[in-house]
Amino acid sequence: MSERHIHMAGHVAERHITRAGQGGGRDVFEYALLRVVPRVERGECINAGVVVYCRARAYVGARTHLDEARLLALDARADVAGIRAALGAVERVCAGGAEAGQAAGDDAGRRFRWLIAPRSTVVQPGPVHTGLTADPGAETERLLDLLVR
């Protein structure tokens, strides 16, 4: 099944809708960037991680990378250790187990939704995007390389 959408510029683009089992071995996944906003009132941010969720594979994972030089260029007094701790906590919640704290008993989808809920803290999730993947773990690493590093 496919749909056609007309864009404002008059161009026609096709968007294909994939039904369950028709993804060619790929599953739908969702992801959000983790952004560090050292001074919320200024709104400046750097990407510092990615959270990926794939319902079909019961997968939720996060990978982070903090570019300390870029962070300190935005705010020379940024709490680098605190930000690293917050990013590490996101990775632990995704991994589950005892280190995930109260979230350990939640399923992957619930942990993802909790992690991407809007916050007004220094580490904030960005908007959620979707895609198709055959390997959500590899997709997490690919997105980190593409959008963060």
Protein backbone atom coordinates (compact mmCIF):
# COMPACT_ATOMS: atom_id res chain seq x y z
CA MET A 1 0.00 0.00 0.00
CA SER A 2 1.36 3.44 -0.79
CA GLU A 3 0.09 6.98 -0.46
CA ARG A 4 0.84 10.09 -2.47
CA HIS A 5 1.25 13.45 -0.82
CA ILE A 6 1.35 16.79 -2.60
CA HIS A 7 3.83 19.24 -1.13
CA MET A 8 3.24 22.98 -1.10
CA ALA A 9 5.76 23.54 -3.89
CA GLY A 10 3.60 21.36 -6.14
CA HIS A 11 5.95 18.36 -6.15
CA VAL A 12 4.49 14.92 -5.62
CA ALA A 13 6.32 12.51 -3.36
CA GLU A 14 5.52 8.89 -2.60
CA ARG A 15 5.52 7.57 0.91
CA HIS A 16 5.29 3.84 1.36
CA ILE A 17 3.52 2.40 4.38
CA THR A 18 4.90 -0.91 5.52
CA ARG A 19 2.65 -3.44 7.19
CA ALA A 20 3.83 -5.96 9.75
CA GLY A 21 6.02 -8.59 8.12
CA GLN A 22 6.63 -6.51 4.99
CA GLY A 23 9.71 -4.61 6.15
CA GLY A 24 12.22 -6.91 4.49
CA GLY A 25 13.61 -8.10 7.81
CA ARG A 26 13.65 -4.58 9.20
CA ASP A 27 11.60 -3.31 12.10
CA VAL A 28 10.32 0.14 12.98
CA PHE A 29 12.38 1.96 15.57
CA GLU A 30 12.12 5.31 17.32
CA TYR A 31 14.97 7.50 18.49
CA ALA A 32 15.62 10.79 20.23
CA LEU A 33 18.79 12.77 20.65
CA LEU A 34 19.99 13.69 24.11
CA ARG A 35 20.95 17.32 24.22
CA VAL A 36 22.99 19.15 26.81
CA VAL A 37 21.68 22.65 27.48
CA PRO A 38 24.13 24.09 30.00
CA ARG A 39 22.27 27.38 30.36
CA VAL A 40 18.58 26.76 29.77
CA GLU A 41 17.82 30.49 29.55
CA ARG A 42 20.13 30.79 26.50
CA GLY A 43 18.75 27.74 24.68
CA GLU A 44 22.15 26.73 23.29
CA CYS A 45 22.80 23.01 23.15
CA ILE A 46 25.09 20.27 21.96
CA ASN A 47 24.09 16.72 21.06
CA ALA A 48 25.49 14.27 23.59
CA GLY A 49 23.70 10.98 23.00
CA VAL A 50 20.94 9.01 21.37
CA VAL A 51 18.19 6.78 22.78
CA VAL A 52 16.75 4.08 20.49
CA TYR A 53 13.63 1.98 20.98
CA CYS A 54 12.45 -0.93 18.83
CA ARG A 55 9.18 -2.43 20.04
CA ALA A 56 9.37 -5.50 17.78
CA ARG A 57 12.68 -6.49 19.37
CA ALA A 58 11.90 -5.24 22.91
CA TYR A 59 15.04 -3.15 22.62
CA VAL A 60 15.88 0.14 24.28
CA GLY A 61 19.43 1.39 24.23
CA ALA A 62 21.41 4.57 24.63
CA ARG A 63 24.88 5.63 23.66
CA THR A 64 26.42 8.89 24.80
CA HIS A 65 29.46 10.98 23.98
CA LEU A 66 30.17 14.29 25.68
CA ASP A 67 32.43 16.70 23.79
CA GLU A 68 33.79 18.53 26.80
CA ALA A 69 35.47 21.29 24.77
CA ARG A 70 32.22 22.16 22.98
CA LEU A 71 30.33 22.09 26.28
CA LEU A 72 32.80 24.42 27.97
CA ALA A 73 32.67 26.77 24.95
CA LEU A 74 28.95 27.22 25.68
CA ASP A 75 29.42 27.55 29.43
CA ALA A 76 32.87 27.61 31.01
CA ARG A 77 31.28 26.83 34.40
CA ALA A 78 29.28 23.80 33.23
CA ASP A 79 29.16 20.91 35.70
CA VAL A 80 30.95 18.36 33.49
CA ALA A 81 30.93 15.63 36.14
CA GLY A 82 27.21 16.11 36.80
CA ILE A 83 26.39 16.02 33.11
CA ARG A 84 28.45 12.87 32.61
CA ALA A 85 26.58 11.30 35.56
CA ALA A 86 23.20 12.21 34.03
CA LEU A 87 24.18 10.74 30.65
CA GLY A 88 25.47 7.60 32.36
CA ALA A 89 22.15 7.26 34.19
CA VAL A 90 20.30 7.24 30.86
CA GLU A 91 22.52 4.42 29.61
CA ARG A 92 21.93 2.45 32.84
CA VAL A 93 18.14 2.86 32.61
CA CYS A 94 18.24 1.54 29.05
CA ALA A 95 20.41 -1.41 30.03
CA GLY A 96 17.97 -2.40 32.79
CA GLY A 97 19.01 -4.63 35.63
CA ALA A 98 19.84 -3.57 39.16
CA GLU A 99 21.70 -0.43 38.04
CA ALA A 100 18.52 0.92 36.40
CA GLY A 101 16.98 1.62 39.79
CA GLN A 102 13.18 1.77 39.91
CA ALA A 103 13.00 1.57 36.12
CA ALA A 104 14.50 -1.94 36.17
CA GLY A 105 11.06 -3.55 36.37
CA ASP A 106 9.63 -1.57 33.46
CA ASP A 107 9.50 -2.92 29.93
CA ALA A 108 11.63 -1.36 27.18
CA GLY A 109 8.83 0.84 25.85
CA ARG A 110 8.01 2.31 29.23
CA ARG A 111 11.68 3.08 29.93
CA PHE A 112 11.99 4.78 26.51
CA ARG A 113 8.87 6.91 27.07
CA TRP A 114 10.11 7.94 30.51
CA LEU A 115 13.52 8.91 29.12
CA ILE A 116 12.12 11.00 26.26
CA ALA A 117 9.60 12.90 28.40
CA PRO A 118 10.29 16.65 28.20
CA ARG A 119 12.40 18.07 31.00
CA SER A 120 13.77 21.47 31.89
CA THR A 121 17.08 20.12 33.12
CA VAL A 122 20.54 20.40 31.60
CA VAL A 123 20.23 17.03 29.79
CA GLN A 124 17.10 17.12 27.63
CA PRO A 125 15.61 14.74 25.05
CA GLY A 126 14.96 16.06 21.57
CA PRO A 127 11.97 15.20 19.38
CA VAL A 128 11.29 11.57 18.50
CA HIS A 129 12.07 10.35 14.97
CA THR A 130 11.42 6.97 13.34
CA GLY A 131 13.06 4.63 10.87
CA LEU A 132 13.52 0.99 9.90
CA THR A 133 16.37 -1.20 11.09
CA ALA A 134 17.49 -4.82 11.05
CA ASP A 135 19.74 -4.28 14.08
CA PRO A 136 18.67 -1.72 16.71
CA GLY A 137 21.97 -2.01 18.61
CA ALA A 138 23.98 -1.20 15.50
CA GLU A 139 21.51 1.58 14.68
CA THR A 140 22.18 3.14 18.07
CA GLU A 141 25.91 3.24 17.33
CA ARG A 142 25.33 4.51 13.77
CA LEU A 143 23.14 7.37 14.99
CA LEU A 144 25.69 8.29 17.64
CA ASP A 145 28.39 8.53 14.97
CA LEU A 146 26.15 10.42 12.55
CA LEU A 147 24.47 12.90 14.91
CA VAL A 148 26.67 13.28 17.98
CA ARG A 149 30.37 12.62 17.33
